[in-house]
Amino acid sequence: MSSKNYMPPKKPTIITVPEMNFPAVRGQGNLNDENGTYKQVFTLNFRNKYT
């Protein structure tokens, strides 16, 4: 990796970003709850996606 800082171009340009899919979790409750539904769903989703 370069040690130089990123410098954006002086003139704005339009770029094309390919369509991508991202997982989403919908629900309610405290996201910081150790035993909450969000953490359980996120853990299962991550485990299924990356193992």
Foldseek 3Di string as FASTA:
>chain_A
DDPDDDDDDPDDDDDDDDDDDDDDDDDDDDPPDPPDPNVVVVVVVCVVPPD
